[in-house]
Amino acid sequence: MNVLLTGGSGFLGKHLIKEAEISGHNIFAPRSNEFNLLTGFGIEEYFAKLNSENKHIDAIIHSAAYYGGIGINRSEPATIFYKNCQMATNIFEIAKNYKVKKILPIGSACSYPGHIIGDLHEADFWNGELHSSVEAYGISKKLQQVAQRAYYNQYKIESNHLVLTNLYGPYDVFTEYRSHVVSAMIKKFADAKIHNKQEVILWGDGSPIREFLYVGDAAKVIIKTLNLPHDTTPINIGTGIGTTIKELAELIAEITGFEGQLVWDTEKPNGVARKVLNIERMKNLVQYTPETNLRSGLKSTIEWYLANKELADLRN
């Protein structure tokens, strides 16, 4: 299968390229300087080149996104909403214009209602308002499901809606402003260890429960869904295992060898109290359960970060 990947130079994209090639797919991952989803620059020329080489795109995986943790969601909600919605609407038009059979837009657990206390089931996807801390990002991802239904009904473009939990792993963004909780903590503890600091300051009170999926496992599931029949019902992609932020911090401190004090800044927000996905549908559809437990995944990520720290700290 010929697969076009957006965001191929990003965190998830690098792992998707690897898994797609292992699975025997031909992967095309243009950079934004030749295929710009925000401005449209280069897109027509890119497809003209493919056509001249007699290469037709069978499927698109849309993993390009503008994202970050609670901080960036508070400071740039309009930018997050605009960029992600613009890229999403453009990629569906591209699928229509170039007669692509299938599109897989990558969604997010941030799209679930914020009031749900137990595990998040696919049936609850539209059952209430999003948590205010991630509303702009969550809605921009949620709207992709509307686009999927619309473009199937009018143009018969097939798709599946993949709802990913929090990812972590090599090639993530580790700079504080745009990082998610795992990479942000890894950088904080690694820096504290290197500079012999006696404390690390962390956001909130450590009580929120989150779910963490190693990016390599996520990539395997996404590539497997290329072969699923059309169905826009959400598919939760995760581990189904909840971990408190405090437990996460203590584990990262242990692996990095930090022996100082953990200080919780309770003036900073916690976000939603609990966000853990029910993954039974995923296991039934793709016959796969994530292989990497949190400790081993964190160890691999920390080892990669320390070995590539200088370059990793420059990525934003």
C-alpha atoms as a PDB file:
ATOM      1  CA  MET A   1       0.000   0.000   0.000  1.00  0.00           C
ATOM      2  CA  ASN A   2       1.244   3.515  -0.843  1.00  0.00           C
ATOM      3  CA  VAL A   3       0.777   5.629   2.287  1.00  0.00           C
ATOM      4  CA  LEU A   4       1.176   9.393   2.595  1.00  0.00           C
ATOM      5  CA  LEU A   5       2.167  10.464   6.104  1.00  0.00           C
ATOM      6  CA  THR A   6       1.844  14.000   7.425  1.00  0.00           C
ATOM      7  CA  GLY A   7       4.071  14.943  10.331  1.00  0.00           C
ATOM      8  CA  GLY A   8       6.664  12.407   9.293  1.00  0.00           C
ATOM      9  CA  SER A   9       9.521  14.380  10.832  1.00  0.00           C
ATOM     10  CA  GLY A  10       7.712  14.627  14.167  1.00  0.00           C
ATOM     11  CA  PHE A  11       7.664  12.498  17.294  1.00  0.00           C
ATOM     12  CA  LEU A  12       5.001   9.978  16.293  1.00  0.00           C
ATOM     13  CA  GLY A  13       5.782  10.290  12.592  1.00  0.00           C
ATOM     14  CA  LYS A  14       9.317   8.930  12.900  1.00  0.00           C
ATOM     15  CA  HIS A  15       7.978   5.761  14.534  1.00  0.00           C
ATOM     16  CA  LEU A  16       5.147   5.419  11.999  1.00  0.00           C
ATOM     17  CA  ILE A  17       7.656   5.456   9.150  1.00  0.00           C
ATOM     18  CA  LYS A  18       9.583   2.619  10.775  1.00  0.00           C
ATOM     19  CA  GLU A  19       6.490   0.477  11.405  1.00  0.00           C
ATOM     20  CA  ALA A  20       5.031   1.121   7.960  1.00  0.00           C
ATOM     21  CA  GLU A  21       8.243  -0.046   6.304  1.00  0.00           C
ATOM     22  CA  ILE A  22       8.402  -3.137   8.527  1.00  0.00           C
ATOM     23  CA  SER A  23       4.831  -3.956   7.465  1.00  0.00           C
ATOM     24  CA  GLY A  24       5.743  -3.684   3.782  1.00  0.00           C
ATOM     25  CA  HIS A  25       4.046  -0.375   2.960  1.00  0.00           C
ATOM     26  CA  ASN A  26       5.561   2.269   0.724  1.00  0.00           C
ATOM     27  CA  ILE A  27       5.659   5.388   2.880  1.00  0.00           C
ATOM     28  CA  PHE A  28       5.784   8.961   1.564  1.00  0.00           C
ATOM     29  CA  ALA A  29       6.516  11.581   4.221  1.00  0.00           C
ATOM     30  CA  PRO A  30       7.059  15.046   2.700  1.00  0.00           C
ATOM     31  CA  ARG A  31       8.451  17.829   4.891  1.00  0.00           C
ATOM     32  CA  SER A  32       6.445  21.011   5.436  1.00  0.00           C
ATOM     33  CA  ASN A  33       8.822  23.008   3.203  1.00  0.00           C
ATOM     34  CA  GLU A  34       7.598  20.973   0.208  1.00  0.00           C
ATOM     35  CA  PHE A  35       4.081  20.023   1.367  1.00  0.00           C
ATOM     36  CA  ASN A  36       2.595  22.675   3.664  1.00  0.00           C
ATOM     37  CA  LEU A  37      -0.790  21.786   5.136  1.00  0.00           C
ATOM     38  CA  LEU A  38      -1.385  25.266   6.542  1.00  0.00           C
ATOM     39  CA  THR A  39      -0.718  27.287   3.379  1.00  0.00           C
ATOM     40  CA  GLY A  40      -1.181  24.661   0.660  1.00  0.00           C
ATOM     41  CA  PHE A  41       2.314  25.384  -0.658  1.00  0.00           C
ATOM     42  CA  GLY A  42       3.795  22.578  -2.771  1.00  0.00           C
ATOM     43  CA  ILE A  43       0.902  20.147  -2.486  1.00  0.00           C
ATOM     44  CA  GLU A  44      -0.163  20.249  -6.131  1.00  0.00           C
ATOM     45  CA  GLU A  45       3.444  19.929  -7.272  1.00  0.00           C
ATOM     46  CA  TYR A  46       4.056  17.017  -4.914  1.00  0.00           C
ATOM     47  CA  PHE A  47       1.142  15.011  -6.293  1.00  0.00           C
ATOM     48  CA  ALA A  48       2.084  15.907  -9.854  1.00  0.00           C
ATOM     49  CA  LYS A  49       5.506  14.422  -9.191  1.00  0.00           C
ATOM     50  CA  LEU A  50       3.946  11.250  -7.778  1.00  0.00           C
ATOM     51  CA  ASN A  51       1.677  10.946 -10.815  1.00  0.00           C
ATOM     52  CA  SER A  52       4.638  11.381 -13.167  1.00  0.00           C
ATOM     53  CA  GLU A  53       6.248   8.414 -11.391  1.00  0.00           C
ATOM     54  CA  ASN A  54       3.001   6.409 -11.672  1.00  0.00           C
ATOM     55  CA  LYS A  55       2.554   6.351  -7.887  1.00  0.00           C
ATOM     56  CA  HIS A  56      -0.972   6.640  -6.514  1.00  0.00           C
ATOM     57  CA  ILE A  57      -1.573   7.239  -2.811  1.00  0.00           C
ATOM     58  CA  ASP A  58      -3.883   4.580  -1.351  1.00  0.00           C
ATOM     59  CA  ALA A  59      -4.120   5.953   2.192  1.00  0.00           C
ATOM     60  CA  ILE A  60      -3.199   9.005   4.254  1.00  0.00           C
ATOM     61  CA  ILE A  61      -2.164   8.955   7.905  1.00  0.00           C
ATOM     62  CA  HIS A  62      -2.592  12.457   9.276  1.00  0.00           C
ATOM     63  CA  SER A  63      -0.300  12.710  12.301  1.00  0.00           C
ATOM     64  CA  ALA A  64       0.819  16.340  11.897  1.00  0.00           C
ATOM     65  CA  ALA A  65      -0.367  18.425  14.841  1.00  0.00           C
ATOM     66  CA  TYR A  66       0.400  21.509  16.902  1.00  0.00           C
ATOM     67  CA  TYR A  67       0.256  20.413  20.529  1.00  0.00           C
ATOM     68  CA  GLY A  68       1.741  20.594  24.005  1.00  0.00           C
ATOM     69  CA  GLY A  69       0.957  20.282  27.690  1.00  0.00           C
ATOM     70  CA  ILE A  70      -1.328  22.301  29.953  1.00  0.00           C
ATOM     71  CA  GLY A  71       0.893  25.383  29.663  1.00  0.00           C
ATOM     72  CA  ILE A  72       0.631  25.815  25.906  1.00  0.00           C
ATOM     73  CA  ASN A  73      -3.071  24.905  25.978  1.00  0.00           C
ATOM     74  CA  ARG A  74      -3.605  27.829  28.354  1.00  0.00           C
ATOM     75  CA  SER A  75      -1.430  30.358  26.487  1.00  0.00           C
ATOM     76  CA  GLU A  76      -2.174  29.477  22.823  1.00  0.00           C
ATOM     77  CA  PRO A  77      -5.694  27.998  22.579  1.00  0.00           C
ATOM     78  CA  ALA A  78      -6.578  29.977  19.443  1.00  0.00           C
ATOM     79  CA  THR A  79      -3.347  29.018  17.670  1.00  0.00           C
ATOM     80  CA  ILE A  80      -3.822  25.367  18.609  1.00  0.00           C
ATOM     81  CA  PHE A  81      -7.419  25.410  17.357  1.00  0.00           C
ATOM     82  CA  TYR A  82      -6.637  27.235  14.119  1.00  0.00           C
ATOM     83  CA  LYS A  83      -3.592  25.251  13.073  1.00  0.00           C
ATOM     84  CA  ASN A  84      -5.055  21.828  13.800  1.00  0.00           C
ATOM     85  CA  CYS A  85      -8.424  22.588  12.205  1.00  0.00           C
ATOM     86  CA  GLN A  86      -6.742  24.107   9.146  1.00  0.00           C
ATOM     87  CA  MET A  87      -4.493  21.096   8.645  1.00  0.00           C
ATOM     88  CA  ALA A  88      -7.376  18.667   9.142  1.00  0.00           C
ATOM     89  CA  THR A  89      -9.739  20.317   6.674  1.00  0.00           C
ATOM     90  CA  ASN A  90      -6.955  20.631   4.110  1.00  0.00           C
ATOM     91  CA  ILE A  91      -5.960  16.965   4.364  1.00  0.00           C
ATOM     92  CA  PHE A  92      -9.544  15.827   3.753  1.00  0.00           C
ATOM     93  CA  GLU A  93      -9.736  18.045   0.688  1.00  0.00           C
ATOM     94  CA  ILE A  94      -6.467  16.560  -0.511  1.00  0.00           C
ATOM     95  CA  ALA A  95      -7.892  13.045  -0.078  1.00  0.00           C
ATOM     96  CA  LYS A  96     -10.912  14.081  -2.135  1.00  0.00           C
ATOM     97  CA  ASN A  97      -8.969  15.907  -4.865  1.00  0.00           C
ATOM     98  CA  TYR A  98      -6.471  13.092  -5.411  1.00  0.00           C
ATOM     99  CA  LYS A  99      -8.910  10.198  -5.021  1.00  0.00           C
ATOM    100  CA  VAL A 100      -7.312   8.647  -1.955  1.00  0.00           C
ATOM    101  CA  LYS A 101      -9.283   5.621  -0.781  1.00  0.00           C
ATOM    102  CA  LYS A 102      -8.655   5.899   2.964  1.00  0.00           C
ATOM    103  CA  ILE A 103      -7.633   8.471   5.573  1.00  0.00           C
ATOM    104  CA  LEU A 104      -6.561   7.896   9.164  1.00  0.00           C
ATOM    105  CA  PRO A 105      -6.629  11.145  11.160  1.00  0.00           C
ATOM    106  CA  ILE A 106      -4.935  10.784  14.531  1.00  0.00           C
ATOM    107  CA  GLY A 107      -7.271  11.825  17.342  1.00  0.00           C
ATOM    108  CA  SER A 108      -6.759  12.403  21.046  1.00  0.00           C
ATOM    109  CA  ALA A 109      -8.163  11.388  24.416  1.00  0.00           C
ATOM    110  CA  CYS A 110      -8.420  15.142  25.066  1.00  0.00           C
ATOM    111  CA  SER A 111     -11.567  14.971  22.905  1.00  0.00           C
ATOM    112  CA  TYR A 112     -13.488  13.080  25.596  1.00  0.00           C
ATOM    113  CA  PRO A 113     -15.877  14.885  27.958  1.00  0.00           C
ATOM    114  CA  GLY A 114     -14.146  16.201  31.053  1.00  0.00           C
ATOM    115  CA  HIS A 115     -16.730  15.048  33.608  1.00  0.00           C
ATOM    116  CA  ILE A 116     -16.375  11.275  33.180  1.00  0.00           C
ATOM    117  CA  ILE A 117     -14.912   9.628  36.292  1.00  0.00           C
ATOM    118  CA  GLY A 118     -14.361   6.012  35.215  1.00  0.00           C
ATOM    119  CA  ASP A 119     -12.568   4.579  32.199  1.00  0.00           C
ATOM    120  CA  LEU A 120     -13.356   6.394  28.952  1.00  0.00           C
ATOM    121  CA  HIS A 121     -15.502   4.246  26.648  1.00  0.00           C
ATOM    122  CA  GLU A 122     -16.037   5.024  22.975  1.00  0.00           C
ATOM    123  CA  ALA A 123     -19.794   5.340  23.594  1.00  0.00           C
ATOM    124  CA  ASP A 124     -19.093   8.441  25.751  1.00  0.00           C
ATOM    125  CA  PHE A 125     -17.182  10.312  23.043  1.00  0.00           C
ATOM    126  CA  TRP A 126     -19.928  12.909  22.468  1.00  0.00           C
ATOM    127  CA  ASN A 127     -21.452  12.724  25.935  1.00  0.00           C
ATOM    128  CA  GLY A 128     -20.643  16.181  27.310  1.00  0.00           C
ATOM    129  CA  GLU A 129     -18.299  19.168  27.328  1.00  0.00           C
ATOM    130  CA  LEU A 130     -14.527  18.839  27.160  1.00  0.00           C
ATOM    131  CA  HIS A 131     -12.338  19.820  30.095  1.00  0.00           C
ATOM    132  CA  SER A 132     -11.531  23.525  29.852  1.00  0.00           C
ATOM    133  CA  SER A 133      -7.767  22.888  30.080  1.00  0.00           C
ATOM    134  CA  VAL A 134      -7.680  21.088  26.700  1.00  0.00           C
ATOM    135  CA  GLU A 135     -10.844  22.302  24.993  1.00  0.00           C
ATOM    136  CA  ALA A 136      -9.259  23.952  21.954  1.00  0.00           C
ATOM    137  CA  TYR A 137      -6.997  20.999  21.152  1.00  0.00           C
ATOM    138  CA  GLY A 138      -9.644  18.394  21.945  1.00  0.00           C
ATOM    139  CA  ILE A 139     -12.296  20.004  19.761  1.00  0.00           C
ATOM    140  CA  SER A 140      -9.877  20.417  16.861  1.00  0.00           C
ATOM    141  CA  LYS A 141      -9.275  16.657  17.001  1.00  0.00           C
ATOM    142  CA  LYS A 142     -12.920  15.791  17.632  1.00  0.00           C
ATOM    143  CA  LEU A 143     -13.994  17.673  14.502  1.00  0.00           C
ATOM    144  CA  GLN A 144     -11.978  15.189  12.448  1.00  0.00           C
ATOM    145  CA  GLN A 145     -14.649  12.579  13.151  1.00  0.00           C
ATOM    146  CA  VAL A 146     -17.287  14.900  11.672  1.00  0.00           C
ATOM    147  CA  ALA A 147     -15.095  15.324   8.600  1.00  0.00           C
ATOM    148  CA  GLN A 148     -14.695  11.560   8.321  1.00  0.00           C
ATOM    149  CA  ARG A 149     -18.441  11.020   8.210  1.00  0.00           C
ATOM    150  CA  ALA A 150     -19.005  13.913   5.823  1.00  0.00           C
ATOM    151  CA  TYR A 151     -16.327  12.884   3.330  1.00  0.00           C
ATOM    152  CA  TYR A 152     -17.443   9.262   3.398  1.00  0.00           C
ATOM    153  CA  ASN A 153     -21.084  10.189   2.812  1.00  0.00           C
ATOM    154  CA  GLN A 154     -20.265  12.509  -0.081  1.00  0.00           C
ATOM    155  CA  TYR A 155     -17.054  11.076  -1.568  1.00  0.00           C
ATOM    156  CA  LYS A 156     -16.822   7.528  -0.142  1.00  0.00           C
ATOM    157  CA  ILE A 157     -13.427   8.178   1.442  1.00  0.00           C
ATOM    158  CA  GLU A 158     -13.021   5.434   4.033  1.00  0.00           C
ATOM    159  CA  SER A 159     -11.568   5.982   7.489  1.00  0.00           C
ATOM    160  CA  ASN A 160     -11.248   4.961  11.126  1.00  0.00           C
ATOM    161  CA  HIS A 161     -11.115   7.345  14.079  1.00  0.00           C
ATOM    162  CA  LEU A 162      -8.150   6.612  16.344  1.00  0.00           C
ATOM    163  CA  VAL A 163      -8.213   8.162  19.829  1.00  0.00           C
ATOM    164  CA  LEU A 164      -4.700   8.139  21.291  1.00  0.00           C
ATOM    165  CA  THR A 165      -3.816   8.462  24.940  1.00  0.00           C
ATOM    166  CA  ASN A 166      -0.657  10.267  26.188  1.00  0.00           C
ATOM    167  CA  LEU A 167       2.382   9.156  24.189  1.00  0.00           C
ATOM    168  CA  TYR A 168       6.001   9.156  25.293  1.00  0.00           C
ATOM    169  CA  GLY A 169       9.279   7.871  23.905  1.00  0.00           C
ATOM    170  CA  PRO A 170      12.347   8.778  21.829  1.00  0.00           C
ATOM    171  CA  TYR A 171      12.134  11.871  19.564  1.00  0.00           C
ATOM    172  CA  ASP A 172       9.500  13.559  21.748  1.00  0.00           C
ATOM    173  CA  VAL A 173       9.573  17.318  22.421  1.00  0.00           C
ATOM    174  CA  PHE A 174      11.453  17.892  25.690  1.00  0.00           C
ATOM    175  CA  THR A 175      11.499  21.690  25.836  1.00  0.00           C
ATOM    176  CA  GLU A 176       9.290  22.819  28.720  1.00  0.00           C
ATOM    177  CA  TYR A 177       6.888  25.028  26.753  1.00  0.00           C
ATOM    178  CA  ARG A 178       5.666  22.394  24.277  1.00  0.00           C
ATOM    179  CA  SER A 179       6.389  19.158  26.116  1.00  0.00           C
ATOM    180  CA  HIS A 180       3.843  16.768  27.573  1.00  0.00           C
ATOM    181  CA  VAL A 181       4.115  15.588  31.157  1.00  0.00           C
ATOM    182  CA  VAL A 182       6.481  12.618  30.638  1.00  0.00           C
ATOM    183  CA  SER A 183       9.077  14.413  28.534  1.00  0.00           C
ATOM    184  CA  ALA A 184       8.810  17.542  30.688  1.00  0.00           C
ATOM    185  CA  MET A 185       9.538  15.489  33.810  1.00  0.00           C
ATOM    186  CA  ILE A 186      12.387  13.593  32.186  1.00  0.00           C
ATOM    187  CA  LYS A 187      14.111  16.857  31.279  1.00  0.00           C
ATOM    188  CA  LYS A 188      13.542  18.340  34.754  1.00  0.00           C
ATOM    189  CA  PHE A 189      14.945  15.311  36.577  1.00  0.00           C
ATOM    190  CA  ALA A 190      17.824  14.827  34.143  1.00  0.00           C
ATOM    191  CA  ASP A 191      18.827  18.502  34.453  1.00  0.00           C
ATOM    192  CA  ALA A 192      18.539  18.340  38.240  1.00  0.00           C
ATOM    193  CA  LYS A 193      20.767  15.279  38.339  1.00  0.00           C
ATOM    194  CA  ILE A 194      23.356  16.815  36.003  1.00  0.00           C
ATOM    195  CA  HIS A 195      23.504  20.110  37.931  1.00  0.00           C
ATOM    196  CA  ASN A 196      23.297  18.526  41.404  1.00  0.00           C
ATOM    197  CA  LYS A 197      20.069  20.296  42.314  1.00  0.00           C
ATOM    198  CA  GLN A 198      18.403  19.292  45.570  1.00  0.00           C
ATOM    199  CA  GLU A 199      14.777  19.695  44.447  1.00  0.00           C
ATOM    200  CA  VAL A 200      12.544  19.458  41.409  1.00  0.00           C
ATOM    201  CA  ILE A 201       9.401  21.609  41.217  1.00  0.00           C
ATOM    202  CA  LEU A 202       6.392  19.927  39.587  1.00  0.00           C
ATOM    203  CA  TRP A 203       2.964  21.230  38.560  1.00  0.00           C
ATOM    204  CA  GLY A 204      -0.155  20.512  40.625  1.00  0.00           C
ATOM    205  CA  ASP A 205      -0.414  18.148  43.570  1.00  0.00           C
ATOM    206  CA  GLY A 206       0.453  14.849  41.858  1.00  0.00           C
ATOM    207  CA  SER A 207      -3.007  13.336  42.269  1.00  0.00           C
ATOM    208  CA  PRO A 208      -4.313  13.271  38.653  1.00  0.00           C
ATOM    209  CA  ILE A 209      -4.388   9.852  37.042  1.00  0.00           C
ATOM    210  CA  ARG A 210      -3.137   9.494  33.488  1.00  0.00           C
ATOM    211  CA  GLU A 211      -2.413   6.719  31.019  1.00  0.00           C
ATOM    212  CA  PHE A 212       0.887   6.504  29.148  1.00  0.00           C
ATOM    213  CA  LEU A 213       1.542   4.633  25.905  1.00  0.00           C
ATOM    214  CA  TYR A 214       5.012   4.025  24.486  1.00  0.00           C
ATOM    215  CA  VAL A 215       5.145   5.616  21.045  1.00  0.00           C
ATOM    216  CA  GLY A 216       6.484   2.475  19.346  1.00  0.00           C
ATOM    217  CA  ASP A 217       3.424   0.518  20.499  1.00  0.00           C
ATOM    218  CA  ALA A 218       1.135   3.298  19.283  1.00  0.00           C
ATOM    219  CA  ALA A 219       2.768   3.211  15.848  1.00  0.00           C
ATOM    220  CA  LYS A 220       2.219  -0.554  15.593  1.00  0.00           C
ATOM    221  CA  VAL A 221      -1.501  -0.190  16.312  1.00  0.00           C
ATOM    222  CA  ILE A 222      -1.947   2.688  13.857  1.00  0.00           C
ATOM    223  CA  ILE A 223      -0.295   0.780  11.019  1.00  0.00           C
ATOM    224  CA  LYS A 224      -2.462  -2.263  11.774  1.00  0.00           C
ATOM    225  CA  THR A 225      -5.623  -0.143  11.418  1.00  0.00           C
ATOM    226  CA  LEU A 226      -4.783   0.603   7.779  1.00  0.00           C
ATOM    227  CA  ASN A 227      -6.346  -2.774   7.005  1.00  0.00           C
ATOM    228  CA  LEU A 228      -9.551  -2.274   8.988  1.00  0.00           C
ATOM    229  CA  PRO A 229     -12.864  -1.747   7.155  1.00  0.00           C
ATOM    230  CA  HIS A 230     -14.460   1.691   7.170  1.00  0.00           C
ATOM    231  CA  ASP A 231     -15.973   2.581  10.547  1.00  0.00           C
ATOM    232  CA  THR A 232     -15.840   6.050  12.108  1.00  0.00           C
ATOM    233  CA  THR A 233     -16.760   4.793  15.585  1.00  0.00           C
ATOM    234  CA  PRO A 234     -13.825   5.877  17.799  1.00  0.00           C
ATOM    235  CA  ILE A 235     -11.140   3.309  18.618  1.00  0.00           C
ATOM    236  CA  ASN A 236      -9.298   3.978  21.878  1.00  0.00           C
ATOM    237  CA  ILE A 237      -5.538   3.445  21.534  1.00  0.00           C
ATOM    238  CA  GLY A 238      -3.815   3.050  24.891  1.00  0.00           C
ATOM    239  CA  THR A 239      -2.828   0.671  27.673  1.00  0.00           C
ATOM    240  CA  GLY A 240      -5.910   0.890  29.884  1.00  0.00           C
ATOM    241  CA  ILE A 241      -3.601   1.375  32.891  1.00  0.00           C
ATOM    242  CA  GLY A 242      -3.806   4.486  35.076  1.00  0.00           C
ATOM    243  CA  THR A 243      -0.817   6.014  36.877  1.00  0.00           C
ATOM    244  CA  THR A 244      -0.863   9.030  39.168  1.00  0.00           C
ATOM    245  CA  ILE A 245       1.385  11.941  38.276  1.00  0.00           C
ATOM    246  CA  LYS A 246       3.085  11.457  41.633  1.00  0.00           C
ATOM    247  CA  GLU A 247       3.853   7.808  40.831  1.00  0.00           C
ATOM    248  CA  LEU A 248       5.187   8.872  37.428  1.00  0.00           C
ATOM    249  CA  ALA A 249       7.463  11.472  39.004  1.00  0.00           C
ATOM    250  CA  GLU A 250       8.827   9.019  41.555  1.00  0.00           C
ATOM    251  CA  LEU A 251       9.537   6.455  38.835  1.00  0.00           C
ATOM    252  CA  ILE A 252      11.364   8.963  36.634  1.00  0.00           C
ATOM    253  CA  ALA A 253      13.343  10.201  39.639  1.00  0.00           C
ATOM    254  CA  GLU A 254      14.387   6.633  40.408  1.00  0.00           C
ATOM    255  CA  ILE A 255      15.446   5.841  36.836  1.00  0.00           C
ATOM    256  CA  THR A 256      17.400   9.091  36.430  1.00  0.00           C
ATOM    257  CA  GLY A 257      19.057   8.612  39.812  1.00  0.00           C
ATOM    258  CA  PHE A 258      17.701  11.848  41.279  1.00  0.00           C
ATOM    259  CA  GLU A 259      17.688  11.636  45.092  1.00  0.00           C
ATOM    260  CA  GLY A 260      16.525  15.135  45.997  1.00  0.00           C
ATOM    261  CA  GLN A 261      13.120  16.448  47.013  1.00  0.00           C
ATOM    262  CA  LEU A 262       9.966  16.568  44.898  1.00  0.00           C
ATOM    263  CA  VAL A 263       8.171  19.891  45.421  1.00  0.00           C
ATOM    264  CA  TRP A 264       4.572  20.189  44.193  1.00  0.00           C
ATOM    265  CA  ASP A 265       3.472  23.661  43.064  1.00  0.00           C
ATOM    266  CA  THR A 266      -0.227  23.512  43.918  1.00  0.00           C
ATOM    267  CA  GLU A 267      -0.765  26.976  42.436  1.00  0.00           C
ATOM    268  CA  LYS A 268      -0.420  25.315  39.038  1.00  0.00           C
ATOM    269  CA  PRO A 269      -3.420  23.409  37.573  1.00  0.00           C
ATOM    270  CA  ASN A 270      -3.895  19.651  37.755  1.00  0.00           C
ATOM    271  CA  GLY A 271      -6.085  19.349  34.677  1.00  0.00           C
ATOM    272  CA  VAL A 272      -8.808  16.687  34.575  1.00  0.00           C
ATOM    273  CA  ALA A 273      -8.717  14.341  37.593  1.00  0.00           C
ATOM    274  CA  ARG A 274      -8.599  11.069  35.649  1.00  0.00           C
ATOM    275  CA  LYS A 275      -8.072  10.131  32.007  1.00  0.00           C
ATOM    276  CA  VAL A 276      -7.744   6.418  31.251  1.00  0.00           C
ATOM    277  CA  LEU A 277      -9.082   4.676  28.144  1.00  0.00           C
ATOM    278  CA  ASN A 278     -10.993   1.432  27.925  1.00  0.00           C
ATOM    279  CA  ILE A 279      -9.097  -0.471  25.195  1.00  0.00           C
ATOM    280  CA  GLU A 280     -11.244  -3.574  24.683  1.00  0.00           C
ATOM    281  CA  ARG A 281     -12.366  -2.425  21.240  1.00  0.00           C
ATOM    282  CA  MET A 282      -8.773  -1.911  20.112  1.00  0.00           C
ATOM    283  CA  LYS A 283      -7.722  -5.357  21.335  1.00  0.00           C
ATOM    284  CA  ASN A 284     -10.656  -7.007  19.540  1.00  0.00           C
ATOM    285  CA  LEU A 285     -10.190  -5.158  16.246  1.00  0.00           C
ATOM    286  CA  VAL A 286      -6.425  -5.308  15.769  1.00  0.00           C
ATOM    287  CA  GLN A 287      -5.605  -8.290  18.005  1.00  0.00           C
ATOM    288  CA  TYR A 288      -2.873  -6.358  19.769  1.00  0.00           C
ATOM    289  CA  THR A 289      -2.063  -5.363  23.336  1.00  0.00           C
ATOM    290  CA  PRO A 290       0.747  -2.844  23.966  1.00  0.00           C
ATOM    291  CA  GLU A 291       3.989  -4.667  24.754  1.00  0.00           C
ATOM    292  CA  THR A 292       6.001  -2.001  26.599  1.00  0.00           C
ATOM    293  CA  ASN A 293       5.371  -1.510  30.313  1.00  0.00           C
ATOM    294  CA  LEU A 294       5.848   1.950  31.797  1.00  0.00           C
ATOM    295  CA  ARG A 295       9.134   1.265  33.576  1.00  0.00           C
ATOM    296  CA  SER A 296      10.894  -0.222  30.552  1.00  0.00           C
ATOM    297  CA  GLY A 297       9.452   2.422  28.237  1.00  0.00           C
ATOM    298  CA  LEU A 298      10.627   5.220  30.513  1.00  0.00           C
ATOM    299  CA  LYS A 299      14.059   3.624  30.797  1.00  0.00           C
ATOM    300  CA  SER A 300      14.406   3.475  27.000  1.00  0.00           C
ATOM    301  CA  THR A 301      13.181   7.050  26.639  1.00  0.00           C
ATOM    302  CA  ILE A 302      15.531   8.397  29.323  1.00  0.00           C
ATOM    303  CA  GLU A 303      18.495   6.561  27.812  1.00  0.00           C
ATOM    304  CA  TRP A 304      17.675   8.008  24.391  1.00  0.00           C
ATOM    305  CA  TYR A 305      17.241  11.507  25.815  1.00  0.00           C
ATOM    306  CA  LEU A 306      20.535  11.476  27.704  1.00  0.00           C
ATOM    307  CA  ALA A 307      22.363  10.192  24.614  1.00  0.00           C
ATOM    308  CA  ASN A 308      20.791  12.896  22.426  1.00  0.00           C
ATOM    309  CA  LYS A 309      20.240  15.637  24.998  1.00  0.00           C
ATOM    310  CA  GLU A 310      21.877  18.518  23.172  1.00  0.00           C
ATOM    311  CA  LEU A 311      19.782  18.101  20.023  1.00  0.00           C
ATOM    312  CA  ALA A 312      16.630  17.091  21.918  1.00  0.00           C
ATOM    313  CA  ASP A 313      16.766  20.271  23.993  1.00  0.00           C
ATOM    314  CA  LEU A 314      16.797  22.392  20.828  1.00  0.00           C
ATOM    315  CA  ARG A 315      13.590  20.934  19.366  1.00  0.00           C
ATOM    316  CA  ASN A 316      10.491  23.048  19.845  1.00  0.00           C
END
